[in-house]
Structures are given as structure tokens and as C-alpha cells.
Amino acid sequence: MDNKNVGGGLFILGQSREELAEYHITGSGRFLTGNPDGLIIVGWLCIILFGAFL
């Protein structure tokens, strides 16, 4: 299993709410654009789900 997913989760959680609100996501994840709470949830899910496989 890749550690990149856990690292991505840590990166997301390391950002401030203002920085997360500035992300513009294209494609199927567009509902997360400007939604810092949604991105924080995705960060925690990456850490929890992929961290269990380390």
C-alpha cells in the first residue's frame, strides 16, 4: 500500500481553513471546491482508511 494517500491526508489537514477554501477541484470532486469542511473529512478518511494498511 502506498504511503502517498496518508501523506495526502496529512497535507490536507496541515492547511488552514482559508487555504482549503481556495482549492478549485475539477472533475467528479467539484463539490469539494471552496468547501474546507469536506476537504478536512477527506483528509481524515485518507489517514484512517489507508493508515490501517501500513
PDB file of N, CA and C in Angstrom:
ATOM      1  N   MET A   1       0.848  -1.176   0.000  1.00  0.00           N
ATOM      2  CA  MET A   1       0.000   0.000   0.000  1.00  0.00           C
ATOM      3  C   MET A   1       0.890   1.233   0.000  1.00  0.00           C
ATOM      4  N   ASP A   2       0.480   2.238  -0.715  1.00  0.00           N
ATOM      5  CA  ASP A   2       1.244   3.476  -0.843  1.00  0.00           C
ATOM      6  C   ASP A   2       1.085   4.381   0.367  1.00  0.00           C
ATOM      7  N   ASN A   3       2.172   4.988   0.780  1.00  0.00           N
ATOM      8  CA  ASN A   3       2.115   5.969   1.855  1.00  0.00           C
ATOM      9  C   ASN A   3       1.658   7.324   1.340  1.00  0.00           C
ATOM     10  N   LYS A   4       1.531   7.467   0.002  1.00  0.00           N
ATOM     11  CA  LYS A   4       1.127   8.741  -0.589  1.00  0.00           C
ATOM     12  C   LYS A   4      -0.269   9.149  -0.140  1.00  0.00           C
ATOM     13  N   ASN A   5      -1.148   8.191   0.047  1.00  0.00           N
ATOM     14  CA  ASN A   5      -2.509   8.511   0.464  1.00  0.00           C
ATOM     15  C   ASN A   5      -2.538   9.085   1.876  1.00  0.00           C
ATOM     16  N   VAL A   6      -1.747   8.498   2.764  1.00  0.00           N
ATOM     17  CA  VAL A   6      -1.660   9.007   4.137  1.00  0.00           C
ATOM     18  C   VAL A   6      -0.992  10.378   4.116  1.00  0.00           C
ATOM     19  N   GLY A   7       0.051  10.519   3.309  1.00  0.00           N
ATOM     20  CA  GLY A   7       0.721  11.806   3.171  1.00  0.00           C
ATOM     21  C   GLY A   7      -0.209  12.877   2.627  1.00  0.00           C
ATOM     22  N   GLY A   8      -1.054  12.497   1.691  1.00  0.00           N
ATOM     23  CA  GLY A   8      -2.046  13.438   1.156  1.00  0.00           C
ATOM     24  C   GLY A   8      -3.025  13.879   2.229  1.00  0.00           C
ATOM     25  N   GLY A   9      -3.442  12.945   3.055  1.00  0.00           N
ATOM     26  CA  GLY A   9      -4.343  13.288   4.158  1.00  0.00           C
ATOM     27  C   GLY A   9      -3.688  14.232   5.141  1.00  0.00           C
ATOM     28  N   LEU A  10      -2.404  13.983   5.449  1.00  0.00           N
ATOM     29  CA  LEU A  10      -1.677  14.865   6.355  1.00  0.00           C
ATOM     30  C   LEU A  10      -1.488  16.247   5.739  1.00  0.00           C
ATOM     31  N   PHE A  11      -1.254  16.290   4.429  1.00  0.00           N
ATOM     32  CA  PHE A  11      -1.122  17.577   3.749  1.00  0.00           C
ATOM     33  C   PHE A  11      -2.405  18.385   3.851  1.00  0.00           C
ATOM     34  N   ILE A  12      -3.525  17.732   3.602  1.00  0.00           N
ATOM     35  CA  ILE A  12      -4.821  18.426   3.678  1.00  0.00           C
ATOM     36  C   ILE A  12      -5.047  18.962   5.080  1.00  0.00           C
ATOM     37  N   LEU A  13      -4.790  18.136   6.087  1.00  0.00           N
ATOM     38  CA  LEU A  13      -5.033  18.554   7.467  1.00  0.00           C
ATOM     39  C   LEU A  13      -4.040  19.613   7.931  1.00  0.00           C
ATOM     40  N   GLY A  14      -2.912  19.739   7.251  1.00  0.00           N
ATOM     41  CA  GLY A  14      -1.923  20.746   7.604  1.00  0.00           C
ATOM     42  C   GLY A  14      -2.243  22.130   7.066  1.00  0.00           C
ATOM     43  N   GLN A  15      -3.262  22.232   6.216  1.00  0.00           N
ATOM     44  CA  GLN A  15      -3.631  23.510   5.628  1.00  0.00           C
ATOM     45  C   GLN A  15      -4.647  24.228   6.515  1.00  0.00           C
ATOM     46  N   SER A  16      -4.650  25.550   6.439  1.00  0.00           N
ATOM     47  CA  SER A  16      -5.646  26.318   7.189  1.00  0.00           C
ATOM     48  C   SER A  16      -6.980  26.254   6.449  1.00  0.00           C
ATOM     49  N   ARG A  17      -8.044  26.575   7.137  1.00  0.00           N
ATOM     50  CA  ARG A  17      -9.380  26.571   6.523  1.00  0.00           C
ATOM     51  C   ARG A  17      -9.448  27.552   5.356  1.00  0.00           C
ATOM     52  N   GLU A  18      -8.737  28.687   5.479  1.00  0.00           N
ATOM     53  CA  GLU A  18      -8.729  29.687   4.403  1.00  0.00           C
ATOM     54  C   GLU A  18      -8.035  29.141   3.158  1.00  0.00           C
ATOM     55  N   GLU A  19      -6.931  28.412   3.372  1.00  0.00           N
ATOM     56  CA  GLU A  19      -6.221  27.819   2.243  1.00  0.00           C
ATOM     57  C   GLU A  19      -7.055  26.736   1.581  1.00  0.00           C
ATOM     58  N   LEU A  20      -7.723  25.926   2.378  1.00  0.00           N
ATOM     59  CA  LEU A  20      -8.567  24.866   1.807  1.00  0.00           C
ATOM     60  C   LEU A  20      -9.733  25.445   1.019  1.00  0.00           C
ATOM     61  N   ALA A  21     -10.258  26.578   1.455  1.00  0.00           N
ATOM     62  CA  ALA A  21     -11.393  27.197   0.756  1.00  0.00           C
ATOM     63  C   ALA A  21     -10.983  27.711  -0.616  1.00  0.00           C
ATOM     64  N   GLU A  22      -9.679  27.888  -0.855  1.00  0.00           N
ATOM     65  CA  GLU A  22      -9.203  28.408  -2.136  1.00  0.00           C
ATOM     66  C   GLU A  22      -8.976  27.315  -3.173  1.00  0.00           C
ATOM     67  N   TYR A  23      -9.020  26.038  -2.772  1.00  0.00           N
ATOM     68  CA  TYR A  23      -8.790  24.958  -3.728  1.00  0.00           C
ATOM     69  C   TYR A  23      -9.933  24.880  -4.726  1.00  0.00           C
ATOM     70  N   HIS A  24      -9.570  24.719  -5.983  1.00  0.00           N
ATOM     71  CA  HIS A  24     -10.559  24.550  -7.046  1.00  0.00           C
ATOM     72  C   HIS A  24     -10.314  23.193  -7.682  1.00  0.00           C
ATOM     73  N   ILE A  25     -11.248  22.300  -7.497  1.00  0.00           N
ATOM     74  CA  ILE A  25     -11.110  20.924  -7.963  1.00  0.00           C
ATOM     75  C   ILE A  25     -11.997  20.737  -9.185  1.00  0.00           C
ATOM     76  N   THR A  26     -11.444  20.152 -10.230  1.00  0.00           N
ATOM     77  CA  THR A  26     -12.230  19.883 -11.423  1.00  0.00           C
ATOM     78  C   THR A  26     -12.569  18.404 -11.470  1.00  0.00           C
ATOM     79  N   GLY A  27     -13.572  18.070 -12.207  1.00  0.00           N
ATOM     80  CA  GLY A  27     -13.972  16.672 -12.338  1.00  0.00           C
ATOM     81  C   GLY A  27     -15.045  16.294 -11.329  1.00  0.00           C
ATOM     82  N   SER A  28     -15.052  15.020 -10.967  1.00  0.00           N
ATOM     83  CA  SER A  28     -16.132  14.499 -10.128  1.00  0.00           C
ATOM     84  C   SER A  28     -16.083  15.016  -8.695  1.00  0.00           C
ATOM     85  N   GLY A  29     -14.961  15.596  -8.242  1.00  0.00           N
ATOM     86  CA  GLY A  29     -14.852  16.082  -6.874  1.00  0.00           C
ATOM     87  C   GLY A  29     -15.157  17.549  -6.716  1.00  0.00           C
ATOM     88  N   ARG A  30     -15.844  18.150  -7.695  1.00  0.00           N
ATOM     89  CA  ARG A  30     -16.085  19.590  -7.663  1.00  0.00           C
ATOM     90  C   ARG A  30     -16.903  20.038  -6.469  1.00  0.00           C
ATOM     91  N   PHE A  31     -17.649  19.160  -5.834  1.00  0.00           N
ATOM     92  CA  PHE A  31     -18.429  19.559  -4.668  1.00  0.00           C
ATOM     93  C   PHE A  31     -17.512  19.958  -3.513  1.00  0.00           C
ATOM     94  N   LEU A  32     -16.239  19.587  -3.584  1.00  0.00           N
ATOM     95  CA  LEU A  32     -15.285  19.950  -2.539  1.00  0.00           C
ATOM     96  C   LEU A  32     -14.676  21.330  -2.757  1.00  0.00           C
ATOM     97  N   THR A  33     -14.828  21.919  -3.954  1.00  0.00           N
ATOM     98  CA  THR A  33     -14.263  23.223  -4.233  1.00  0.00           C
ATOM     99  C   THR A  33     -14.869  24.260  -3.302  1.00  0.00           C
ATOM    100  N   GLY A  34     -14.013  24.985  -2.605  1.00  0.00           N
ATOM    101  CA  GLY A  34     -14.479  26.016  -1.685  1.00  0.00           C
ATOM    102  C   GLY A  34     -15.139  25.472  -0.440  1.00  0.00           C
ATOM    103  N   ASN A  35     -14.974  24.185  -0.171  1.00  0.00           N
ATOM    104  CA  ASN A  35     -15.622  23.536   0.965  1.00  0.00           C
ATOM    105  C   ASN A  35     -14.554  22.967   1.898  1.00  0.00           C
ATOM    106  N   PRO A  36     -14.011  23.792   2.806  1.00  0.00           N
ATOM    107  CA  PRO A  36     -12.931  23.292   3.662  1.00  0.00           C
ATOM    108  C   PRO A  36     -13.356  22.132   4.558  1.00  0.00           C
ATOM    109  N   ASP A  37     -14.611  22.111   5.005  1.00  0.00           N
ATOM    110  CA  ASP A  37     -15.066  21.011   5.866  1.00  0.00           C
ATOM    111  C   ASP A  37     -15.047  19.687   5.108  1.00  0.00           C
ATOM    112  N   GLY A  38     -15.455  19.704   3.851  1.00  0.00           N
ATOM    113  CA  GLY A  38     -15.425  18.497   3.039  1.00  0.00           C
ATOM    114  C   GLY A  38     -14.014  17.995   2.819  1.00  0.00           C
ATOM    115  N   LEU A  39     -13.080  18.920   2.572  1.00  0.00           N
ATOM    116  CA  LEU A  39     -11.693  18.522   2.374  1.00  0.00           C
ATOM    117  C   LEU A  39     -11.074  17.985   3.657  1.00  0.00           C
ATOM    118  N   ILE A  40     -11.442  18.544   4.789  1.00  0.00           N
ATOM    119  CA  ILE A  40     -10.936  18.042   6.072  1.00  0.00           C
ATOM    120  C   ILE A  40     -11.430  16.609   6.306  1.00  0.00           C
ATOM    121  N   ILE A  41     -12.671  16.348   5.964  1.00  0.00           N
ATOM    122  CA  ILE A  41     -13.217  14.993   6.096  1.00  0.00           C
ATOM    123  C   ILE A  41     -12.465  14.032   5.181  1.00  0.00           C
ATOM    124  N   VAL A  42     -12.186  14.456   3.955  1.00  0.00           N
ATOM    125  CA  VAL A  42     -11.421  13.611   3.023  1.00  0.00           C
ATOM    126  C   VAL A  42     -10.026  13.346   3.582  1.00  0.00           C
ATOM    127  N   GLY A  43      -9.397  14.363   4.174  1.00  0.00           N
ATOM    128  CA  GLY A  43      -8.076  14.169   4.776  1.00  0.00           C
ATOM    129  C   GLY A  43      -8.095  13.137   5.879  1.00  0.00           C
ATOM    130  N   TRP A  44      -9.079  13.219   6.767  1.00  0.00           N
ATOM    131  CA  TRP A  44      -9.191  12.231   7.849  1.00  0.00           C
ATOM    132  C   TRP A  44      -9.476  10.839   7.301  1.00  0.00           C
ATOM    133  N   LEU A  45     -10.322  10.744   6.284  1.00  0.00           N
ATOM    134  CA  LEU A  45     -10.613   9.430   5.700  1.00  0.00           C
ATOM    135  C   LEU A  45      -9.365   8.802   5.087  1.00  0.00           C
ATOM    136  N   CYS A  46      -8.547   9.624   4.422  1.00  0.00           N
ATOM    137  CA  CYS A  46      -7.296   9.097   3.856  1.00  0.00           C
ATOM    138  C   CYS A  46      -6.405   8.537   4.949  1.00  0.00           C
ATOM    139  N   ILE A  47      -6.282   9.264   6.034  1.00  0.00           N
ATOM    140  CA  ILE A  47      -5.417   8.814   7.124  1.00  0.00           C
ATOM    141  C   ILE A  47      -5.974   7.555   7.777  1.00  0.00           C
ATOM    142  N   ILE A  48      -7.260   7.534   8.051  1.00  0.00           N
ATOM    143  CA  ILE A  48      -7.873   6.398   8.746  1.00  0.00           C
ATOM    144  C   ILE A  48      -7.896   5.149   7.856  1.00  0.00           C
ATOM    145  N   LEU A  49      -8.382   5.301   6.632  1.00  0.00           N
ATOM    146  CA  LEU A  49      -8.549   4.136   5.764  1.00  0.00           C
ATOM    147  C   LEU A  49      -7.216   3.571   5.300  1.00  0.00           C
ATOM    148  N   PHE A  50      -6.315   4.446   4.837  1.00  0.00           N
ATOM    149  CA  PHE A  50      -5.063   3.949   4.284  1.00  0.00           C
ATOM    150  C   PHE A  50      -4.014   3.734   5.363  1.00  0.00           C
ATOM    151  N   GLY A  51      -4.125   4.438   6.489  1.00  0.00           N
ATOM    152  CA  GLY A  51      -3.198   4.244   7.585  1.00  0.00           C
ATOM    153  C   GLY A  51      -3.351   2.873   8.227  1.00  0.00           C
ATOM    154  N   ALA A  52      -4.536   2.299   8.127  1.00  0.00           N
ATOM    155  CA  ALA A  52      -4.774   0.976   8.701  1.00  0.00           C
ATOM    156  C   ALA A  52      -3.987  -0.105   7.956  1.00  0.00           C
ATOM    157  N   PHE A  53      -3.593   0.175   6.726  1.00  0.00           N
ATOM    158  CA  PHE A  53      -2.876  -0.818   5.909  1.00  0.00           C
ATOM    159  C   PHE A  53      -1.368  -0.700   6.027  1.00  0.00           C
ATOM    160  N   LEU A  54      -0.877   0.271   6.794  1.00  0.00           N
ATOM    161  CA  LEU A  54       0.576   0.439   6.920  1.00  0.00           C
ATOM    162  C   LEU A  54       1.170  -0.595   7.838  1.00  0.00           C
TER     163      LEU A  54
END
